[in-house]
Amino acid sequence: MKMARFAKFVDKTENAINKFQCWQASKWLKAVIVLGISVLLFGVFYYLTAFTILLALIVAFKFFPEDVKGILNFFSEILSTDGNKKDTEDGYRDGDLGFGFYVGDIRTDDD
């Protein structure tokens, strides 16, 4: 399936190259020029898409700051790496060294 797509891409590229028969240049140079133009067009599309997303974020932060902050807080809670705060809070818990009173990750003697 992927080879068929690549073959179609090669055929389209070759057709685009053949349209420039009036050029007095080798076929590989024409291919490089056609591929360069297609890469430039892809780059323009990519940057316009990125700019549109950035503009949407700016508008969201400007006009809906409370809603956006709530959404960002929700995602930061989900993606936080310190979600196990209960494992490091001070107090009695079952830690690495057994049940006891912990200050941070250090177990203190209750005696």
PDB file of N, CA and C in Angstrom:
ATOM      1  N   MET A   1       0.826  -1.190   0.000  1.00  0.00           N
ATOM      2  CA  MET A   1       0.000   0.000   0.000  1.00  0.00           C
ATOM      3  C   MET A   1       0.869   1.251   0.000  1.00  0.00           C
ATOM      4  N   LYS A   2       1.894   1.251   0.863  1.00  0.00           N
ATOM      5  CA  LYS A   2       2.758   2.424   0.919  1.00  0.00           C
ATOM      6  C   LYS A   2       3.586   2.554  -0.355  1.00  0.00           C
ATOM      7  N   MET A   3       4.002   1.430  -0.927  1.00  0.00           N
ATOM      8  CA  MET A   3       4.770   1.499  -2.168  1.00  0.00           C
ATOM      9  C   MET A   3       3.913   2.049  -3.294  1.00  0.00           C
ATOM     10  N   ALA A   4       2.634   1.708  -3.299  1.00  0.00           N
ATOM     11  CA  ALA A   4       1.749   2.226  -4.334  1.00  0.00           C
ATOM     12  C   ALA A   4       1.637   3.739  -4.211  1.00  0.00           C
ATOM     13  N   ARG A   5       1.544   4.241  -2.987  1.00  0.00           N
ATOM     14  CA  ARG A   5       1.494   5.690  -2.787  1.00  0.00           C
ATOM     15  C   ARG A   5       2.797   6.338  -3.223  1.00  0.00           C
ATOM     16  N   PHE A   6       3.918   5.693  -2.889  1.00  0.00           N
ATOM     17  CA  PHE A   6       5.206   6.251  -3.290  1.00  0.00           C
ATOM     18  C   PHE A   6       5.345   6.230  -4.806  1.00  0.00           C
ATOM     19  N   ALA A   7       4.858   5.161  -5.442  1.00  0.00           N
ATOM     20  CA  ALA A   7       4.925   5.080  -6.903  1.00  0.00           C
ATOM     21  C   ALA A   7       4.074   6.174  -7.535  1.00  0.00           C
ATOM     22  N   LYS A   8       2.912   6.448  -6.957  1.00  0.00           N
ATOM     23  CA  LYS A   8       2.077   7.538  -7.465  1.00  0.00           C
ATOM     24  C   LYS A   8       2.786   8.873  -7.293  1.00  0.00           C
ATOM     25  N   PHE A   9       3.459   9.048  -6.151  1.00  0.00           N
ATOM     26  CA  PHE A   9       4.199  10.287  -5.917  1.00  0.00           C
ATOM     27  C   PHE A   9       5.316  10.450  -6.940  1.00  0.00           C
ATOM     28  N   VAL A  10       6.025   9.343  -7.237  1.00  0.00           N
ATOM     29  CA  VAL A  10       7.101   9.399  -8.228  1.00  0.00           C
ATOM     30  C   VAL A  10       6.530   9.720  -9.598  1.00  0.00           C
ATOM     31  N   ASP A  11       5.394   9.122  -9.948  1.00  0.00           N
ATOM     32  CA  ASP A  11       4.770   9.406 -11.242  1.00  0.00           C
ATOM     33  C   ASP A  11       4.354  10.865 -11.343  1.00  0.00           C
ATOM     34  N   LYS A  12       3.769  11.386 -10.273  1.00  0.00           N
ATOM     35  CA  LYS A  12       3.363  12.791 -10.291  1.00  0.00           C
ATOM     36  C   LYS A  12       4.576  13.703 -10.398  1.00  0.00           C
ATOM     37  N   THR A  13       5.645  13.349  -9.695  1.00  0.00           N
ATOM     38  CA  THR A  13       6.868  14.147  -9.777  1.00  0.00           C
ATOM     39  C   THR A  13       7.450  14.091 -11.180  1.00  0.00           C
ATOM     40  N   GLU A  14       7.434  12.913 -11.774  1.00  0.00           N
ATOM     41  CA  GLU A  14       7.966  12.773 -13.132  1.00  0.00           C
ATOM     42  C   GLU A  14       7.107  13.547 -14.126  1.00  0.00           C
ATOM     43  N   ASN A  15       5.800  13.548 -13.945  1.00  0.00           N
ATOM     44  CA  ASN A  15       4.925  14.330 -14.815  1.00  0.00           C
ATOM     45  C   ASN A  15       5.205  15.819 -14.667  1.00  0.00           C
ATOM     46  N   ALA A  16       5.445  16.255 -13.433  1.00  0.00           N
ATOM     47  CA  ALA A  16       5.769  17.667 -13.218  1.00  0.00           C
ATOM     48  C   ALA A  16       7.098  18.017 -13.862  1.00  0.00           C
ATOM     49  N   ILE A  17       8.049  17.080 -13.810  1.00  0.00           N
ATOM     50  CA  ILE A  17       9.355  17.327 -14.432  1.00  0.00           C
ATOM     51  C   ILE A  17       9.214  17.404 -15.943  1.00  0.00           C
ATOM     52  N   ASN A  18       8.396  16.538 -16.514  1.00  0.00           N
ATOM     53  CA  ASN A  18       8.227  16.517 -17.967  1.00  0.00           C
ATOM     54  C   ASN A  18       7.548  17.770 -18.486  1.00  0.00           C
ATOM     55  N   LYS A  19       6.829  18.488 -17.641  1.00  0.00           N
ATOM     56  CA  LYS A  19       6.207  19.738 -18.071  1.00  0.00           C
ATOM     57  C   LYS A  19       7.251  20.809 -18.362  1.00  0.00           C
ATOM     58  N   PHE A  20       8.447  20.639 -17.816  1.00  0.00           N
ATOM     59  CA  PHE A  20       9.518  21.621 -18.018  1.00  0.00           C
ATOM     60  C   PHE A  20      10.501  21.129 -19.077  1.00  0.00           C
ATOM     61  N   GLN A  21       9.993  20.590 -20.186  1.00  0.00           N
ATOM     62  CA  GLN A  21      10.869  20.066 -21.231  1.00  0.00           C
ATOM     63  C   GLN A  21      11.648  21.168 -21.929  1.00  0.00           C
ATOM     64  N   CYS A  22      11.133  22.391 -21.884  1.00  0.00           N
ATOM     65  CA  CYS A  22      11.832  23.484 -22.553  1.00  0.00           C
ATOM     66  C   CYS A  22      13.103  23.888 -21.804  1.00  0.00           C
ATOM     67  N   TRP A  23      13.256  23.451 -20.569  1.00  0.00           N
ATOM     68  CA  TRP A  23      14.464  23.773 -19.823  1.00  0.00           C
ATOM     69  C   TRP A  23      15.635  22.983 -20.384  1.00  0.00           C
ATOM     70  N   GLN A  24      16.755  23.623 -20.473  1.00  0.00           N
ATOM     71  CA  GLN A  24      17.983  22.951 -20.907  1.00  0.00           C
ATOM     72  C   GLN A  24      18.768  22.547 -19.666  1.00  0.00           C
ATOM     73  N   ALA A  25      18.200  21.603 -18.921  1.00  0.00           N
ATOM     74  CA  ALA A  25      18.842  21.130 -17.695  1.00  0.00           C
ATOM     75  C   ALA A  25      18.628  19.628 -17.588  1.00  0.00           C
ATOM     76  N   SER A  26      19.450  19.005 -16.773  1.00  0.00           N
ATOM     77  CA  SER A  26      19.330  17.558 -16.618  1.00  0.00           C
ATOM     78  C   SER A  26      18.073  17.213 -15.816  1.00  0.00           C
ATOM     79  N   LYS A  27      17.682  15.952 -15.932  1.00  0.00           N
ATOM     80  CA  LYS A  27      16.454  15.510 -15.286  1.00  0.00           C
ATOM     81  C   LYS A  27      16.566  15.567 -13.762  1.00  0.00           C
ATOM     82  N   TRP A  28      17.741  15.266 -13.200  1.00  0.00           N
ATOM     83  CA  TRP A  28      17.886  15.282 -11.750  1.00  0.00           C
ATOM     84  C   TRP A  28      17.783  16.698 -11.208  1.00  0.00           C
ATOM     85  N   LEU A  29      18.263  17.698 -11.989  1.00  0.00           N
ATOM     86  CA  LEU A  29      18.154  19.088 -11.552  1.00  0.00           C
ATOM     87  C   LEU A  29      16.694  19.524 -11.541  1.00  0.00           C
ATOM     88  N   LYS A  30      15.955  19.111 -12.563  1.00  0.00           N
ATOM     89  CA  LYS A  30      14.525  19.415 -12.590  1.00  0.00           C
ATOM     90  C   LYS A  30      13.820  18.749 -11.405  1.00  0.00           C
ATOM     91  N   ALA A  31      14.216  17.515 -11.097  1.00  0.00           N
ATOM     92  CA  ALA A  31      13.607  16.806  -9.966  1.00  0.00           C
ATOM     93  C   ALA A  31      13.896  17.527  -8.655  1.00  0.00           C
ATOM     94  N   VAL A  32      15.129  17.992  -8.489  1.00  0.00           N
ATOM     95  CA  VAL A  32      15.489  18.717  -7.266  1.00  0.00           C
ATOM     96  C   VAL A  32      14.682  20.001  -7.154  1.00  0.00           C
ATOM     97  N   ILE A  33      14.497  20.691  -8.263  1.00  0.00           N
ATOM     98  CA  ILE A  33      13.732  21.943  -8.240  1.00  0.00           C
ATOM     99  C   ILE A  33      12.270  21.671  -7.904  1.00  0.00           C
ATOM    100  N   VAL A  34      11.686  20.648  -8.527  1.00  0.00           N
ATOM    101  CA  VAL A  34      10.281  20.323  -8.253  1.00  0.00           C
ATOM    102  C   VAL A  34      10.108  19.883  -6.803  1.00  0.00           C
ATOM    103  N   LEU A  35      11.005  19.050  -6.303  1.00  0.00           N
ATOM    104  CA  LEU A  35      10.911  18.617  -4.907  1.00  0.00           C
ATOM    105  C   LEU A  35      11.142  19.787  -3.948  1.00  0.00           C
ATOM    106  N   GLY A  36      12.050  20.687  -4.306  1.00  0.00           N
ATOM    107  CA  GLY A  36      12.281  21.868  -3.477  1.00  0.00           C
ATOM    108  C   GLY A  36      11.054  22.747  -3.389  1.00  0.00           C
ATOM    109  N   ILE A  37      10.385  22.930  -4.514  1.00  0.00           N
ATOM    110  CA  ILE A  37       9.161  23.734  -4.516  1.00  0.00           C
ATOM    111  C   ILE A  37       8.086  23.061  -3.670  1.00  0.00           C
ATOM    112  N   SER A  38       7.963  21.737  -3.785  1.00  0.00           N
ATOM    113  CA  SER A  38       6.949  21.041  -2.986  1.00  0.00           C
ATOM    114  C   SER A  38       7.277  21.115  -1.492  1.00  0.00           C
ATOM    115  N   VAL A  39       8.559  21.048  -1.146  1.00  0.00           N
ATOM    116  CA  VAL A  39       8.951  21.178   0.263  1.00  0.00           C
ATOM    117  C   VAL A  39       8.648  22.585   0.771  1.00  0.00           C
ATOM    118  N   LEU A  40       8.897  23.594  -0.054  1.00  0.00           N
ATOM    119  CA  LEU A  40       8.576  24.962   0.350  1.00  0.00           C
ATOM    120  C   LEU A  40       7.075  25.137   0.572  1.00  0.00           C
ATOM    121  N   LEU A  41       6.272  24.564  -0.311  1.00  0.00           N
ATOM    122  CA  LEU A  41       4.821  24.659  -0.138  1.00  0.00           C
ATOM    123  C   LEU A  41       4.372  23.936   1.126  1.00  0.00           C
ATOM    124  N   PHE A  42       4.968  22.776   1.403  1.00  0.00           N
ATOM    125  CA  PHE A  42       4.647  22.065   2.640  1.00  0.00           C
ATOM    126  C   PHE A  42       5.050  22.902   3.851  1.00  0.00           C
ATOM    127  N   GLY A  43       6.208  23.550   3.788  1.00  0.00           N
ATOM    128  CA  GLY A  43       6.656  24.396   4.894  1.00  0.00           C
ATOM    129  C   GLY A  43       5.715  25.557   5.137  1.00  0.00           C
ATOM    130  N   VAL A  44       5.248  26.172   4.061  1.00  0.00           N
ATOM    131  CA  VAL A  44       4.298  27.279   4.207  1.00  0.00           C
ATOM    132  C   VAL A  44       3.010  26.778   4.851  1.00  0.00           C
ATOM    133  N   PHE A  45       2.522  25.623   4.403  1.00  0.00           N
ATOM    134  CA  PHE A  45       1.314  25.041   4.997  1.00  0.00           C
ATOM    135  C   PHE A  45       1.535  24.736   6.477  1.00  0.00           C
ATOM    136  N   TYR A  46       2.699  24.187   6.807  1.00  0.00           N
ATOM    137  CA  TYR A  46       3.015  23.844   8.196  1.00  0.00           C
ATOM    138  C   TYR A  46       3.033  25.095   9.072  1.00  0.00           C
ATOM    139  N   TYR A  47       3.719  26.143   8.616  1.00  0.00           N
ATOM    140  CA  TYR A  47       3.821  27.349   9.431  1.00  0.00           C
ATOM    141  C   TYR A  47       2.490  28.084   9.531  1.00  0.00           C
ATOM    142  N   LEU A  48       1.688  28.048   8.477  1.00  0.00           N
ATOM    143  CA  LEU A  48       0.368  28.667   8.571  1.00  0.00           C
ATOM    144  C   LEU A  48      -0.516  27.920   9.567  1.00  0.00           C
ATOM    145  N   THR A  49      -0.413  26.604   9.580  1.00  0.00           N
ATOM    146  CA  THR A  49      -1.172  25.822  10.549  1.00  0.00           C
ATOM    147  C   THR A  49      -0.706  26.129  11.972  1.00  0.00           C
ATOM    148  N   ALA A  50       0.602  26.178  12.177  1.00  0.00           N
ATOM    149  CA  ALA A  50       1.138  26.495  13.507  1.00  0.00           C
ATOM    150  C   ALA A  50       0.731  27.903  13.933  1.00  0.00           C
ATOM    151  N   PHE A  51       0.756  28.849  13.001  1.00  0.00           N
ATOM    152  CA  PHE A  51       0.360  30.220  13.314  1.00  0.00           C
ATOM    153  C   PHE A  51      -1.120  30.286  13.681  1.00  0.00           C
ATOM    154  N   THR A  52      -1.951  29.528  12.984  1.00  0.00           N
ATOM    155  CA  THR A  52      -3.381  29.507  13.284  1.00  0.00           C
ATOM    156  C   THR A  52      -3.635  28.954  14.684  1.00  0.00           C
ATOM    157  N   ILE A  53      -2.945  27.884  15.037  1.00  0.00           N
ATOM    158  CA  ILE A  53      -3.103  27.311  16.378  1.00  0.00           C
ATOM    159  C   ILE A  53      -2.615  28.292  17.436  1.00  0.00           C
ATOM    160  N   LEU A  54      -1.484  28.941  17.184  1.00  0.00           N
ATOM    161  CA  LEU A  54      -0.961  29.929  18.124  1.00  0.00           C
ATOM    162  C   LEU A  54      -1.919  31.100  18.280  1.00  0.00           C
ATOM    163  N   LEU A  55      -2.484  31.561  17.180  1.00  0.00           N
ATOM    164  CA  LEU A  55      -3.442  32.656  17.236  1.00  0.00           C
ATOM    165  C   LEU A  55      -4.686  32.254  18.025  1.00  0.00           C
ATOM    166  N   ALA A  56      -5.142  31.018  17.841  1.00  0.00           N
ATOM    167  CA  ALA A  56      -6.302  30.536  18.601  1.00  0.00           C
ATOM    168  C   ALA A  56      -5.990  30.495  20.096  1.00  0.00           C
ATOM    169  N   LEU A  57      -4.778  30.080  20.458  1.00  0.00           N
ATOM    170  CA  LEU A  57      -4.394  30.067  21.875  1.00  0.00           C
ATOM    171  C   LEU A  57      -4.328  31.476  22.450  1.00  0.00           C
ATOM    172  N   ILE A  58      -3.789  32.411  21.674  1.00  0.00           N
ATOM    173  CA  ILE A  58      -3.703  33.799  22.147  1.00  0.00           C
ATOM    174  C   ILE A  58      -5.099  34.368  22.361  1.00  0.00           C
ATOM    175  N   VAL A  59      -6.000  34.119  21.412  1.00  0.00           N
ATOM    176  CA  VAL A  59      -7.374  34.606  21.554  1.00  0.00           C
ATOM    177  C   VAL A  59      -8.040  33.957  22.761  1.00  0.00           C
ATOM    178  N   ALA A  60      -7.800  32.660  22.963  1.00  0.00           N
ATOM    179  CA  ALA A  60      -8.402  31.973  24.110  1.00  0.00           C
ATOM    180  C   ALA A  60      -7.895  32.558  25.422  1.00  0.00           C
ATOM    181  N   PHE A  61      -6.599  32.833  25.510  1.00  0.00           N
ATOM    182  CA  PHE A  61      -6.055  33.396  26.744  1.00  0.00           C
ATOM    183  C   PHE A  61      -6.516  34.829  26.952  1.00  0.00           C
ATOM    184  N   LYS A  62      -6.752  35.558  25.882  1.00  0.00           N
ATOM    185  CA  LYS A  62      -7.147  36.953  26.016  1.00  0.00           C
ATOM    186  C   LYS A  62      -8.612  37.089  26.422  1.00  0.00           C
ATOM    187  N   PHE A  63      -9.489  36.330  25.774  1.00  0.00           N
ATOM    188  CA  PHE A  63     -10.916  36.517  25.993  1.00  0.00           C
ATOM    189  C   PHE A  63     -11.522  35.565  27.017  1.00  0.00           C
ATOM    190  N   PHE A  64     -10.889  34.420  27.250  1.00  0.00           N
ATOM    191  CA  PHE A  64     -11.424  33.444  28.199  1.00  0.00           C
ATOM    192  C   PHE A  64     -10.349  32.998  29.185  1.00  0.00           C
ATOM    193  N   PRO A  65      -9.733  33.922  29.926  1.00  0.00           N
ATOM    194  CA  PRO A  65      -8.606  33.515  30.771  1.00  0.00           C
ATOM    195  C   PRO A  65      -8.992  32.560  31.897  1.00  0.00           C
ATOM    196  N   GLU A  66     -10.169  32.750  32.500  1.00  0.00           N
ATOM    197  CA  GLU A  66     -10.545  31.875  33.612  1.00  0.00           C
ATOM    198  C   GLU A  66     -10.806  30.456  33.130  1.00  0.00           C
ATOM    199  N   ASP A  67     -11.509  30.345  32.004  1.00  0.00           N
ATOM    200  CA  ASP A  67     -11.815  29.016  31.479  1.00  0.00           C
ATOM    201  C   ASP A  67     -10.551  28.288  31.062  1.00  0.00           C
ATOM    202  N   VAL A  68      -9.643  29.017  30.404  1.00  0.00           N
ATOM    203  CA  VAL A  68      -8.409  28.388  29.931  1.00  0.00           C
ATOM    204  C   VAL A  68      -7.542  27.975  31.108  1.00  0.00           C
ATOM    205  N   LYS A  69      -7.481  28.813  32.136  1.00  0.00           N
ATOM    206  CA  LYS A  69      -6.679  28.454  33.308  1.00  0.00           C
ATOM    207  C   LYS A  69      -7.247  27.225  34.001  1.00  0.00           C
ATOM    208  N   GLY A  70      -8.573  27.109  34.036  1.00  0.00           N
ATOM    209  CA  GLY A  70      -9.178  25.921  34.618  1.00  0.00           C
ATOM    210  C   GLY A  70      -8.833  24.674  33.833  1.00  0.00           C
ATOM    211  N   ILE A  71      -8.854  24.779  32.517  1.00  0.00           N
ATOM    212  CA  ILE A  71      -8.498  23.636  31.672  1.00  0.00           C
ATOM    213  C   ILE A  71      -7.029  23.290  31.854  1.00  0.00           C
ATOM    214  N   LEU A  72      -6.171  24.313  31.899  1.00  0.00           N
ATOM    215  CA  LEU A  72      -4.742  24.057  32.070  1.00  0.00           C
ATOM    216  C   LEU A  72      -4.457  23.438  33.433  1.00  0.00           C
ATOM    217  N   ASN A  73      -5.148  23.893  34.471  1.00  0.00           N
ATOM    218  CA  ASN A  73      -4.961  23.286  35.795  1.00  0.00           C
ATOM    219  C   ASN A  73      -5.406  21.833  35.798  1.00  0.00           C
ATOM    220  N   PHE A  74      -6.503  21.551  35.101  1.00  0.00           N
ATOM    221  CA  PHE A  74      -6.989  20.174  35.010  1.00  0.00           C
ATOM    222  C   PHE A  74      -5.944  19.283  34.352  1.00  0.00           C
ATOM    223  N   PHE A  75      -5.380  19.748  33.222  1.00  0.00           N
ATOM    224  CA  PHE A  75      -4.371  18.951  32.534  1.00  0.00           C
ATOM    225  C   PHE A  75      -3.075  18.864  33.334  1.00  0.00           C
ATOM    226  N   SER A  76      -2.714  19.928  34.048  1.00  0.00           N
ATOM    227  CA  SER A  76      -1.487  19.868  34.842  1.00  0.00           C
ATOM    228  C   SER A  76      -1.638  18.891  36.004  1.00  0.00           C
ATOM    229  N   GLU A  77      -2.840  18.767  36.556  1.00  0.00           N
ATOM    230  CA  GLU A  77      -3.059  17.770  37.606  1.00  0.00           C
ATOM    231  C   GLU A  77      -2.966  16.360  37.052  1.00  0.00           C
ATOM    232  N   ILE A  78      -3.481  16.170  35.852  1.00  0.00           N
ATOM    233  CA  ILE A  78      -3.429  14.841  35.238  1.00  0.00           C
ATOM    234  C   ILE A  78      -1.992  14.470  34.888  1.00  0.00           C
ATOM    235  N   LEU A  79      -1.247  15.419  34.329  1.00  0.00           N
ATOM    236  CA  LEU A  79       0.091  15.131  33.826  1.00  0.00           C
ATOM    237  C   LEU A  79       1.195  15.368  34.842  1.00  0.00           C
ATOM    238  N   SER A  80       0.853  15.753  36.060  1.00  0.00           N
ATOM    239  CA  SER A  80       1.895  16.072  37.033  1.00  0.00           C
ATOM    240  C   SER A  80       2.670  14.823  37.423  1.00  0.00           C
ATOM    241  N   THR A  81       3.963  15.017  37.633  1.00  0.00           N
ATOM    242  CA  THR A  81       4.814  13.898  38.033  1.00  0.00           C
ATOM    243  C   THR A  81       4.837  13.729  39.545  1.00  0.00           C
ATOM    244  N   ASP A  82       4.390  14.731  40.277  1.00  0.00           N
ATOM    245  CA  ASP A  82       4.362  14.621  41.732  1.00  0.00           C
ATOM    246  C   ASP A  82       2.937  14.337  42.216  1.00  0.00           C
ATOM    247  N   GLY A  83       2.238  13.483  41.500  1.00  0.00           N
ATOM    248  CA  GLY A  83       0.876  13.135  41.866  1.00  0.00           C
ATOM    249  C   GLY A  83       0.796  12.307  43.125  1.00  0.00           C
ATOM    250  N   ASN A  84       1.921  11.750  43.564  1.00  0.00           N
ATOM    251  CA  ASN A  84       1.935  10.924  44.768  1.00  0.00           C
ATOM    252  C   ASN A  84       2.426  11.732  45.961  1.00  0.00           C
ATOM    253  N   LYS A  85       1.823  12.868  46.197  1.00  0.00           N
ATOM    254  CA  LYS A  85       2.251  13.711  47.305  1.00  0.00           C
ATOM    255  C   LYS A  85       2.025  13.020  48.645  1.00  0.00           C
ATOM    256  N   LYS A  86       1.025  12.145  48.702  1.00  0.00           N
ATOM    257  CA  LYS A  86       0.751  11.446  49.952  1.00  0.00           C
ATOM    258  C   LYS A  86       1.908  10.534  50.333  1.00  0.00           C
ATOM    259  N   ASP A  87       2.678  10.100  49.347  1.00  0.00           N
ATOM    260  CA  ASP A  87       3.808   9.221  49.640  1.00  0.00           C
ATOM    261  C   ASP A  87       4.962   9.964  50.296  1.00  0.00           C
ATOM    262  N   THR A  88       5.000  11.289  50.169  1.00  0.00           N
ATOM    263  CA  THR A  88       6.121  12.040  50.730  1.00  0.00           C
ATOM    264  C   THR A  88       5.682  13.040  51.799  1.00  0.00           C
ATOM    265  N   GLU A  89       4.410  13.054  52.156  1.00  0.00           N
ATOM    266  CA  GLU A  89       3.961  13.984  53.188  1.00  0.00           C
ATOM    267  C   GLU A  89       4.444  13.514  54.557  1.00  0.00           C
ATOM    268  N   ASP A  90       4.598  14.471  55.469  1.00  0.00           N
ATOM    269  CA  ASP A  90       5.005  14.139  56.832  1.00  0.00           C
ATOM    270  C   ASP A  90       3.846  13.469  57.564  1.00  0.00           C
ATOM    271  N   GLY A  91       4.183  12.471  58.363  1.00  0.00           N
ATOM    272  CA  GLY A  91       3.164  11.799  59.160  1.00  0.00           C
ATOM    273  C   GLY A  91       3.347  10.298  59.144  1.00  0.00           C
ATOM    274  N   TYR A  92       2.390   9.619  59.758  1.00  0.00           N
ATOM    275  CA  TYR A  92       2.439   8.161  59.828  1.00  0.00           C
ATOM    276  C   TYR A  92       1.992   7.574  58.497  1.00  0.00           C
ATOM    277  N   ARG A  93       2.815   6.672  57.986  1.00  0.00           N
ATOM    278  CA  ARG A  93       2.462   5.970  56.751  1.00  0.00           C
ATOM    279  C   ARG A  93       3.320   4.731  56.623  1.00  0.00           C
ATOM    280  N   ASP A  94       2.942   3.900  55.676  1.00  0.00           N
ATOM    281  CA  ASP A  94       3.693   2.682  55.405  1.00  0.00           C
ATOM    282  C   ASP A  94       4.680   3.007  54.290  1.00  0.00           C
ATOM    283  N   GLY A  95       5.912   3.280  54.653  1.00  0.00           N
ATOM    284  CA  GLY A  95       6.919   3.675  53.678  1.00  0.00           C
ATOM    285  C   GLY A  95       7.876   2.563  53.335  1.00  0.00           C
ATOM    286  N   ASP A  96       9.044   2.928  52.795  1.00  0.00           N
ATOM    287  CA  ASP A  96      10.049   1.947  52.389  1.00  0.00           C
ATOM    288  C   ASP A  96      10.599   1.164  53.577  1.00  0.00           C
ATOM    289  N   LEU A  97      10.682   1.806  54.728  1.00  0.00           N
ATOM    290  CA  LEU A  97      11.248   1.155  55.909  1.00  0.00           C
ATOM    291  C   LEU A  97      10.177   0.617  56.841  1.00  0.00           C
ATOM    292  N   GLY A  98       8.961   0.465  56.344  1.00  0.00           N
ATOM    293  CA  GLY A  98       7.878  -0.042  57.173  1.00  0.00           C
ATOM    294  C   GLY A  98       7.000   1.082  57.680  1.00  0.00           C
ATOM    295  N   PHE A  99       6.026   0.706  58.503  1.00  0.00           N
ATOM    296  CA  PHE A  99       5.096   1.700  59.028  1.00  0.00           C
ATOM    297  C   PHE A  99       5.778   2.514  60.115  1.00  0.00           C
ATOM    298  N   GLY A 100       5.583   3.823  60.057  1.00  0.00           N
ATOM    299  CA  GLY A 100       6.172   4.698  61.056  1.00  0.00           C
ATOM    300  C   GLY A 100       5.931   6.148  60.703  1.00  0.00           C
ATOM    301  N   PHE A 101       6.541   7.040  61.490  1.00  0.00           N
ATOM    302  CA  PHE A 101       6.406   8.470  61.253  1.00  0.00           C
ATOM    303  C   PHE A 101       7.520   8.909  60.313  1.00  0.00           C
ATOM    304  N   TYR A 102       7.145   9.499  59.204  1.00  0.00           N
ATOM    305  CA  TYR A 102       8.104   9.929  58.192  1.00  0.00           C
ATOM    306  C   TYR A 102       8.103  11.445  58.084  1.00  0.00           C
ATOM    307  N   VAL A 103       9.293  12.006  57.942  1.00  0.00           N
ATOM    308  CA  VAL A 103       9.468  13.409  57.591  1.00  0.00           C
ATOM    309  C   VAL A 103      10.112  13.398  56.216  1.00  0.00           C
ATOM    310  N   GLY A 104       9.319  13.731  55.205  1.00  0.00           N
ATOM    311  CA  GLY A 104       9.811  13.580  53.838  1.00  0.00           C
ATOM    312  C   GLY A 104       9.927  12.110  53.515  1.00  0.00           C
ATOM    313  N   ASP A 105      11.129  11.665  53.164  1.00  0.00           N
ATOM    314  CA  ASP A 105      11.374  10.248  52.889  1.00  0.00           C
ATOM    315  C   ASP A 105      12.130   9.569  54.018  1.00  0.00           C
ATOM    316  N   ILE A 106      12.335  10.272  55.121  1.00  0.00           N
ATOM    317  CA  ILE A 106      13.148   9.738  56.211  1.00  0.00           C
ATOM    318  C   ILE A 106      12.239   9.311  57.355  1.00  0.00           C
ATOM    319  N   ARG A 107      12.412   8.069  57.801  1.00  0.00           N
ATOM    320  CA  ARG A 107      11.625   7.561  58.927  1.00  0.00           C
ATOM    321  C   ARG A 107      12.309   7.958  60.228  1.00  0.00           C
ATOM    322  N   THR A 108      11.529   8.528  61.124  1.00  0.00           N
ATOM    323  CA  THR A 108      12.072   8.918  62.427  1.00  0.00           C
ATOM    324  C   THR A 108      11.594   7.923  63.472  1.00  0.00           C
ATOM    325  N   ASP A 109      12.351   7.802  64.552  1.00  0.00           N
ATOM    326  CA  ASP A 109      11.978   6.878  65.625  1.00  0.00           C
ATOM    327  C   ASP A 109      10.887   7.507  66.480  1.00  0.00           C
ATOM    328  N   ASP A 110       9.921   6.693  66.860  1.00  0.00           N
ATOM    329  CA  ASP A 110       8.793   7.175  67.656  1.00  0.00           C
ATOM    330  C   ASP A 110       9.081   7.161  69.148  1.00  0.00           C
ATOM    331  N   ASP A 111      10.163   6.566  69.536  1.00  0.00           N
ATOM    332  CA  ASP A 111      10.445   6.356  70.959  1.00  0.00           C
ATOM    333  C   ASP A 111      10.545   7.621  71.682  1.00  0.00           C
TER     334      ASP A 111
END
